[in-house]
PDB file of N, CA and C in Angstrom:
ATOM      1  N   MET A   1       0.831  -1.197   0.000  1.00  0.00           N
ATOM      2  CA  MET A   1       0.000   0.000   0.000  1.00  0.00           C
ATOM      3  C   MET A   1       0.873   1.257   0.000  1.00  0.00           C
ATOM      4  N   ILE A   2       1.948   1.224   0.780  1.00  0.00           N
ATOM      5  CA  ILE A   2       2.843   2.376   0.839  1.00  0.00           C
ATOM      6  C   ILE A   2       3.500   2.602  -0.519  1.00  0.00           C
ATOM      7  N   ILE A   3       3.834   1.504  -1.205  1.00  0.00           N
ATOM      8  CA  ILE A   3       4.465   1.625  -2.518  1.00  0.00           C
ATOM      9  C   ILE A   3       3.516   2.308  -3.502  1.00  0.00           C
ATOM     10  N   ILE A   4       2.248   1.942  -3.480  1.00  0.00           N
ATOM     11  CA  ILE A   4       1.267   2.533  -4.386  1.00  0.00           C
ATOM     12  C   ILE A   4       1.123   4.023  -4.113  1.00  0.00           C
ATOM     13  N   VAL A   5       1.024   4.391  -2.843  1.00  0.00           N
ATOM     14  CA  VAL A   5       0.889   5.807  -2.481  1.00  0.00           C
ATOM     15  C   VAL A   5       2.126   6.580  -2.919  1.00  0.00           C
ATOM     16  N   THR A   6       3.302   5.983  -2.734  1.00  0.00           N
ATOM     17  CA  THR A   6       4.546   6.623  -3.138  1.00  0.00           C
ATOM     18  C   THR A   6       4.594   6.807  -4.650  1.00  0.00           C
ATOM     19  N   LEU A   7       4.200   5.784  -5.399  1.00  0.00           N
ATOM     20  CA  LEU A   7       4.190   5.881  -6.855  1.00  0.00           C
ATOM     21  C   LEU A   7       3.217   6.950  -7.331  1.00  0.00           C
ATOM     22  N   ILE A   8       2.062   7.050  -6.706  1.00  0.00           N
ATOM     23  CA  ILE A   8       1.091   8.083  -7.067  1.00  0.00           C
ATOM     24  C   ILE A   8       1.669   9.465  -6.780  1.00  0.00           C
ATOM     25  N   ALA A   9       2.339   9.624  -5.655  1.00  0.00           N
ATOM     26  CA  ALA A   9       2.936  10.907  -5.309  1.00  0.00           C
ATOM     27  C   ALA A   9       4.024  11.284  -6.313  1.00  0.00           C
ATOM     28  N   ILE A  10       4.851  10.320  -6.700  1.00  0.00           N
ATOM     29  CA  ILE A  10       5.910  10.579  -7.688  1.00  0.00           C
ATOM     30  C   ILE A  10       5.289  10.962  -9.025  1.00  0.00           C
ATOM     31  N   PHE A  11       4.252  10.243  -9.436  1.00  0.00           N
ATOM     32  CA  PHE A  11       3.567  10.554 -10.692  1.00  0.00           C
ATOM     33  C   PHE A  11       3.007  11.969 -10.659  1.00  0.00           C
ATOM     34  N   ASN A  12       2.377  12.354  -9.567  1.00  0.00           N
ATOM     35  CA  ASN A  12       1.805  13.699  -9.446  1.00  0.00           C
ATOM     36  C   ASN A  12       2.885  14.775  -9.520  1.00  0.00           C
ATOM     37  N   ILE A  13       4.019  14.530  -8.894  1.00  0.00           N
ATOM     38  CA  ILE A  13       5.119  15.491  -8.942  1.00  0.00           C
ATOM     39  C   ILE A  13       5.659  15.609 -10.358  1.00  0.00           C
ATOM     40  N   MET A  14       5.856  14.466 -11.029  1.00  0.00           N
ATOM     41  CA  MET A  14       6.411  14.491 -12.379  1.00  0.00           C
ATOM     42  C   MET A  14       5.462  15.162 -13.364  1.00  0.00           C
ATOM     43  N   THR A  15       4.169  14.925 -13.241  1.00  0.00           N
ATOM     44  CA  THR A  15       3.233  15.547 -14.177  1.00  0.00           C
ATOM     45  C   THR A  15       3.082  17.031 -13.893  1.00  0.00           C
ATOM     46  N   SER A  16       3.282  17.449 -12.641  1.00  0.00           N
ATOM     47  CA  SER A  16       3.199  18.880 -12.355  1.00  0.00           C
ATOM     48  C   SER A  16       4.409  19.619 -12.917  1.00  0.00           C
ATOM     49  N   LEU A  17       5.518  18.896 -13.145  1.00  0.00           N
ATOM     50  CA  LEU A  17       6.712  19.495 -13.725  1.00  0.00           C
ATOM     51  C   LEU A  17       6.691  19.479 -15.247  1.00  0.00           C
ATOM     52  N   ASP A  18       5.736  18.772 -15.829  1.00  0.00           N
ATOM     53  CA  ASP A  18       5.649  18.641 -17.288  1.00  0.00           C
ATOM     54  C   ASP A  18       5.147  19.937 -17.893  1.00  0.00           C
ATOM     55  N   THR A  19       6.032  20.641 -18.606  1.00  0.00           N
ATOM     56  CA  THR A  19       5.644  21.916 -19.212  1.00  0.00           C
ATOM     57  C   THR A  19       4.988  21.730 -20.573  1.00  0.00           C
ATOM     58  N   THR A  20       4.939  20.483 -21.074  1.00  0.00           N
ATOM     59  CA  THR A  20       4.299  20.250 -22.362  1.00  0.00           C
ATOM     60  C   THR A  20       2.790  20.160 -22.240  1.00  0.00           C
ATOM     61  N   VAL A  21       2.292  19.978 -21.023  1.00  0.00           N
ATOM     62  CA  VAL A  21       0.853  19.900 -20.814  1.00  0.00           C
ATOM     63  C   VAL A  21       0.297  21.312 -20.804  1.00  0.00           C
ATOM     64  N   PRO A  22      -0.662  21.607 -21.703  1.00  0.00           N
ATOM     65  CA  PRO A  22      -1.205  22.968 -21.726  1.00  0.00           C
ATOM     66  C   PRO A  22      -1.933  23.296 -20.431  1.00  0.00           C
ATOM     67  N   ARG A  23      -1.727  24.482 -19.953  1.00  0.00           N
ATOM     68  CA  ARG A  23      -2.408  24.946 -18.750  1.00  0.00           C
ATOM     69  C   ARG A  23      -3.597  25.795 -19.162  1.00  0.00           C
ATOM     70  N   GLY A  24      -4.577  25.883 -18.319  1.00  0.00           N
ATOM     71  CA  GLY A  24      -5.762  26.685 -18.629  1.00  0.00           C
ATOM     72  C   GLY A  24      -6.785  25.850 -19.372  1.00  0.00           C
ATOM     73  N   PRO A  25      -7.563  26.480 -20.253  1.00  0.00           N
ATOM     74  CA  PRO A  25      -8.614  25.744 -20.957  1.00  0.00           C
ATOM     75  C   PRO A  25      -8.025  24.635 -21.825  1.00  0.00           C
ATOM     76  N   LEU A  26      -8.733  23.523 -21.899  1.00  0.00           N
ATOM     77  CA  LEU A  26      -8.273  22.406 -22.707  1.00  0.00           C
ATOM     78  C   LEU A  26      -8.328  22.776 -24.186  1.00  0.00           C
ATOM     79  N   MET A  27      -7.297  22.378 -24.892  1.00  0.00           N
ATOM     80  CA  MET A  27      -7.254  22.648 -26.318  1.00  0.00           C
ATOM     81  C   MET A  27      -8.033  21.552 -27.036  1.00  0.00           C
ATOM     82  N   PRO A  28      -8.873  21.924 -28.011  1.00  0.00           N
ATOM     83  CA  PRO A  28      -9.637  20.894 -28.727  1.00  0.00           C
ATOM     84  C   PRO A  28      -8.713  20.031 -29.584  1.00  0.00           C
ATOM     85  N   LYS A  29      -9.081  18.770 -29.718  1.00  0.00           N
ATOM     86  CA  LYS A  29      -8.312  17.847 -30.537  1.00  0.00           C
ATOM     87  C   LYS A  29      -8.459  18.252 -32.003  1.00  0.00           C
ATOM     88  N   PRO A  30      -7.336  18.365 -32.724  1.00  0.00           N
ATOM     89  CA  PRO A  30      -7.440  18.759 -34.131  1.00  0.00           C
ATOM     90  C   PRO A  30      -8.209  17.712 -34.925  1.00  0.00           C
ATOM     91  N   GLN A  31      -9.064  18.166 -35.793  1.00  0.00           N
ATOM     92  CA  GLN A  31      -9.873  17.280 -36.622  1.00  0.00           C
ATOM     93  C   GLN A  31      -9.400  17.364 -38.071  1.00  0.00           C
ATOM     94  N   PRO A  32      -9.380  16.230 -38.782  1.00  0.00           N
ATOM     95  CA  PRO A  32      -9.015  16.281 -40.199  1.00  0.00           C
ATOM     96  C   PRO A  32     -10.038  17.092 -40.992  1.00  0.00           C
ATOM     97  N   GLN A  33      -9.537  17.843 -41.937  1.00  0.00           N
ATOM     98  CA  GLN A  33     -10.395  18.641 -42.810  1.00  0.00           C
ATOM     99  C   GLN A  33     -10.513  17.931 -44.162  1.00  0.00           C
ATOM    100  N   PRO A  34     -11.636  18.130 -44.857  1.00  0.00           N
ATOM    101  CA  PRO A  34     -11.820  17.443 -46.148  1.00  0.00           C
ATOM    102  C   PRO A  34     -10.729  17.767 -47.167  1.00  0.00           C
ATOM    103  N   ASP A  35     -10.141  18.964 -47.097  1.00  0.00           N
ATOM    104  CA  ASP A  35      -9.125  19.345 -48.081  1.00  0.00           C
ATOM    105  C   ASP A  35      -7.695  19.066 -47.603  1.00  0.00           C
ATOM    106  N   ASP A  36      -7.518  18.388 -46.461  1.00  0.00           N
ATOM    107  CA  ASP A  36      -6.173  18.026 -45.991  1.00  0.00           C
ATOM    108  C   ASP A  36      -5.538  17.033 -46.966  1.00  0.00           C
ATOM    109  N   ARG A  37      -4.241  17.189 -47.182  1.00  0.00           N
ATOM    110  CA  ARG A  37      -3.494  16.265 -48.040  1.00  0.00           C
ATOM    111  C   ARG A  37      -3.401  14.917 -47.335  1.00  0.00           C
ATOM    112  N   ARG A  38      -3.603  13.841 -48.061  1.00  0.00           N
ATOM    113  CA  ARG A  38      -3.541  12.497 -47.481  1.00  0.00           C
ATOM    114  C   ARG A  38      -2.511  11.666 -48.229  1.00  0.00           C
ATOM    115  N   ILE A  39      -1.810  10.816 -47.469  1.00  0.00           N
ATOM    116  CA  ILE A  39      -0.845   9.903 -48.076  1.00  0.00           C
ATOM    117  C   ILE A  39      -0.945   8.575 -47.333  1.00  0.00           C
ATOM    118  N   ASP A  40      -0.960   7.501 -48.077  1.00  0.00           N
ATOM    119  CA  ASP A  40      -1.056   6.166 -47.481  1.00  0.00           C
ATOM    120  C   ASP A  40       0.222   5.881 -46.693  1.00  0.00           C
ATOM    121  N   SER A  41       0.074   5.305 -45.509  1.00  0.00           N
ATOM    122  CA  SER A  41       1.246   5.057 -44.658  1.00  0.00           C
ATOM    123  C   SER A  41       2.228   4.102 -45.319  1.00  0.00           C
ATOM    124  N   LYS A  42       1.748   3.139 -46.092  1.00  0.00           N
ATOM    125  CA  LYS A  42       2.659   2.211 -46.773  1.00  0.00           C
ATOM    126  C   LYS A  42       3.502   2.943 -47.811  1.00  0.00           C
ATOM    127  N   THR A  43       2.912   3.937 -48.462  1.00  0.00           N
ATOM    128  CA  THR A  43       3.659   4.746 -49.425  1.00  0.00           C
ATOM    129  C   THR A  43       4.693   5.594 -48.700  1.00  0.00           C
ATOM    130  N   LEU A  44       4.306   6.166 -47.567  1.00  0.00           N
ATOM    131  CA  LEU A  44       5.203   7.034 -46.801  1.00  0.00           C
ATOM    132  C   LEU A  44       6.354   6.245 -46.183  1.00  0.00           C
ATOM    133  N   LEU A  45       6.049   5.101 -45.575  1.00  0.00           N
ATOM    134  CA  LEU A  45       7.058   4.333 -44.836  1.00  0.00           C
ATOM    135  C   LEU A  45       7.879   3.409 -45.720  1.00  0.00           C
ATOM    136  N   GLY A  46       7.360   3.064 -46.893  1.00  0.00           N
ATOM    137  CA  GLY A  46       8.074   2.160 -47.788  1.00  0.00           C
ATOM    138  C   GLY A  46       8.095   0.741 -47.251  1.00  0.00           C
ATOM    139  N   PRO A  47       8.787  -0.154 -47.946  1.00  0.00           N
ATOM    140  CA  PRO A  47       8.809  -1.563 -47.534  1.00  0.00           C
ATOM    141  C   PRO A  47       9.537  -1.783 -46.202  1.00  0.00           C
ATOM    142  N   GLU A  48      10.388  -0.823 -45.813  1.00  0.00           N
ATOM    143  CA  GLU A  48      11.126  -0.958 -44.545  1.00  0.00           C
ATOM    144  C   GLU A  48      10.242  -0.659 -43.338  1.00  0.00           C
ATOM    145  N   GLY A  49       9.142   0.067 -43.563  1.00  0.00           N
ATOM    146  CA  GLY A  49       8.255   0.419 -42.457  1.00  0.00           C
ATOM    147  C   GLY A  49       8.783   1.566 -41.612  1.00  0.00           C
ATOM    148  N   ARG A  50       9.666   2.372 -42.191  1.00  0.00           N
ATOM    149  CA  ARG A  50      10.238   3.491 -41.443  1.00  0.00           C
ATOM    150  C   ARG A  50      10.719   4.563 -42.409  1.00  0.00           C
ATOM    151  N   VAL A  51      10.711   5.808 -41.926  1.00  0.00           N
ATOM    152  CA  VAL A  51      11.177   6.924 -42.742  1.00  0.00           C
ATOM    153  C   VAL A  51      11.719   7.999 -41.811  1.00  0.00           C
ATOM    154  N   ILE A  52      12.767   8.683 -42.252  1.00  0.00           N
ATOM    155  CA  ILE A  52      13.322   9.821 -41.520  1.00  0.00           C
ATOM    156  C   ILE A  52      12.631  11.077 -42.045  1.00  0.00           C
ATOM    157  N   ILE A  53      12.115  11.891 -41.156  1.00  0.00           N
ATOM    158  CA  ILE A  53      11.483  13.152 -41.521  1.00  0.00           C
ATOM    159  C   ILE A  53      12.370  14.274 -41.002  1.00  0.00           C
ATOM    160  N   GLU A  54      12.758  15.189 -41.891  1.00  0.00           N
ATOM    161  CA  GLU A  54      13.551  16.347 -41.486  1.00  0.00           C
ATOM    162  C   GLU A  54      12.605  17.526 -41.311  1.00  0.00           C
ATOM    163  N   HIS A  55      12.680  18.169 -40.145  1.00  0.00           N
ATOM    164  CA  HIS A  55      11.819  19.315 -39.835  1.00  0.00           C
ATOM    165  C   HIS A  55      12.646  20.355 -39.092  1.00  0.00           C
ATOM    166  N   ASP A  56      12.784  21.535 -39.684  1.00  0.00           N
ATOM    167  CA  ASP A  56      13.562  22.627 -39.075  1.00  0.00           C
ATOM    168  C   ASP A  56      14.963  22.179 -38.661  1.00  0.00           C
ATOM    169  N   GLY A  57      15.608  21.378 -39.504  1.00  0.00           N
ATOM    170  CA  GLY A  57      16.972  20.930 -39.223  1.00  0.00           C
ATOM    171  C   GLY A  57      17.060  19.773 -38.252  1.00  0.00           C
ATOM    172  N   GLN A  58      15.951  19.313 -37.732  1.00  0.00           N
ATOM    173  CA  GLN A  58      15.929  18.174 -36.809  1.00  0.00           C
ATOM    174  C   GLN A  58      15.465  16.928 -37.561  1.00  0.00           C
ATOM    175  N   HIS A  59      15.960  15.773 -37.150  1.00  0.00           N
ATOM    176  CA  HIS A  59      15.566  14.517 -37.784  1.00  0.00           C
ATOM    177  C   HIS A  59      14.667  13.718 -36.843  1.00  0.00           C
ATOM    178  N   TYR A  60      13.586  13.203 -37.397  1.00  0.00           N
ATOM    179  CA  TYR A  60      12.624  12.397 -36.655  1.00  0.00           C
ATOM    180  C   TYR A  60      12.455  11.076 -37.379  1.00  0.00           C
ATOM    181  N   LEU A  61      12.298  10.003 -36.612  1.00  0.00           N
ATOM    182  CA  LEU A  61      12.076   8.686 -37.186  1.00  0.00           C
ATOM    183  C   LEU A  61      10.605   8.326 -36.998  1.00  0.00           C
ATOM    184  N   LEU A  62       9.913   8.091 -38.108  1.00  0.00           N
ATOM    185  CA  LEU A  62       8.535   7.602 -38.071  1.00  0.00           C
ATOM    186  C   LEU A  62       8.599   6.144 -38.465  1.00  0.00           C
ATOM    187  N   ARG A  63       8.100   5.266 -37.587  1.00  0.00           N
ATOM    188  CA  ARG A  63       8.163   3.836 -37.868  1.00  0.00           C
ATOM    189  C   ARG A  63       6.868   3.152 -37.465  1.00  0.00           C
ATOM    190  N   GLN A  64       6.644   2.017 -38.083  1.00  0.00           N
ATOM    191  CA  GLN A  64       5.476   1.213 -37.749  1.00  0.00           C
ATOM    192  C   GLN A  64       5.914   0.093 -36.817  1.00  0.00           C
ATOM    193  N   THR A  65       5.146  -0.120 -35.744  1.00  0.00           N
ATOM    194  CA  THR A  65       5.461  -1.182 -34.797  1.00  0.00           C
ATOM    195  C   THR A  65       4.940  -2.515 -35.325  1.00  0.00           C
ATOM    196  N   HIS A  66       5.307  -3.587 -34.645  1.00  0.00           N
ATOM    197  CA  HIS A  66       4.801  -4.914 -35.018  1.00  0.00           C
ATOM    198  C   HIS A  66       3.294  -4.991 -34.873  1.00  0.00           C
ATOM    199  N   ALA A  67       2.739  -4.163 -33.982  1.00  0.00           N
ATOM    200  CA  ALA A  67       1.290  -4.142 -33.759  1.00  0.00           C
ATOM    201  C   ALA A  67       0.562  -3.246 -34.768  1.00  0.00           C
ATOM    202  N   GLY A  68       1.327  -2.614 -35.683  1.00  0.00           N
ATOM    203  CA  GLY A  68       0.714  -1.776 -36.700  1.00  0.00           C
ATOM    204  C   GLY A  68       0.511  -0.332 -36.296  1.00  0.00           C
ATOM    205  N   LYS A  69       1.012   0.071 -35.134  1.00  0.00           N
ATOM    206  CA  LYS A  69       0.894   1.457 -34.673  1.00  0.00           C
ATOM    207  C   LYS A  69       2.054   2.270 -35.251  1.00  0.00           C
ATOM    208  N   LEU A  70       1.872   3.598 -35.287  1.00  0.00           N
ATOM    209  CA  LEU A  70       2.930   4.491 -35.750  1.00  0.00           C
ATOM    210  C   LEU A  70       3.575   5.183 -34.563  1.00  0.00           C
ATOM    211  N   ILE A  71       4.915   5.224 -34.560  1.00  0.00           N
ATOM    212  CA  ILE A  71       5.677   5.870 -33.497  1.00  0.00           C
ATOM    213  C   ILE A  71       6.592   6.909 -34.137  1.00  0.00           C
ATOM    214  N   LEU A  72       6.565   8.147 -33.616  1.00  0.00           N
ATOM    215  CA  LEU A  72       7.447   9.209 -34.087  1.00  0.00           C
ATOM    216  C   LEU A  72       8.408   9.540 -32.949  1.00  0.00           C
ATOM    217  N   THR A  73       9.717   9.401 -33.221  1.00  0.00           N
ATOM    218  CA  THR A  73      10.728   9.692 -32.201  1.00  0.00           C
ATOM    219  C   THR A  73      11.748  10.656 -32.778  1.00  0.00           C
ATOM    220  N   LYS A  74      12.364  11.408 -31.883  1.00  0.00           N
ATOM    221  CA  LYS A  74      13.389  12.379 -32.285  1.00  0.00           C
ATOM    222  C   LYS A  74      14.754  11.721 -32.196  1.00  0.00           C
TER     223      LYS A  74
END
């Protein structure tokens, strides 16, 4: 029981330090628009199932997991 309470306290401290979480009113989830450009993930990822995306001089890896999910990492 003490371990659970301690883990909850640590989680609360860590999330309060997270500056990526917007403060104030919740931001609405972006919705796809009918005129948004679309590309099939198989075309984007190729037969390897992964692609490097360059954005503002930074490189990001977009890959498909074994479960079929997409993961974007820096």
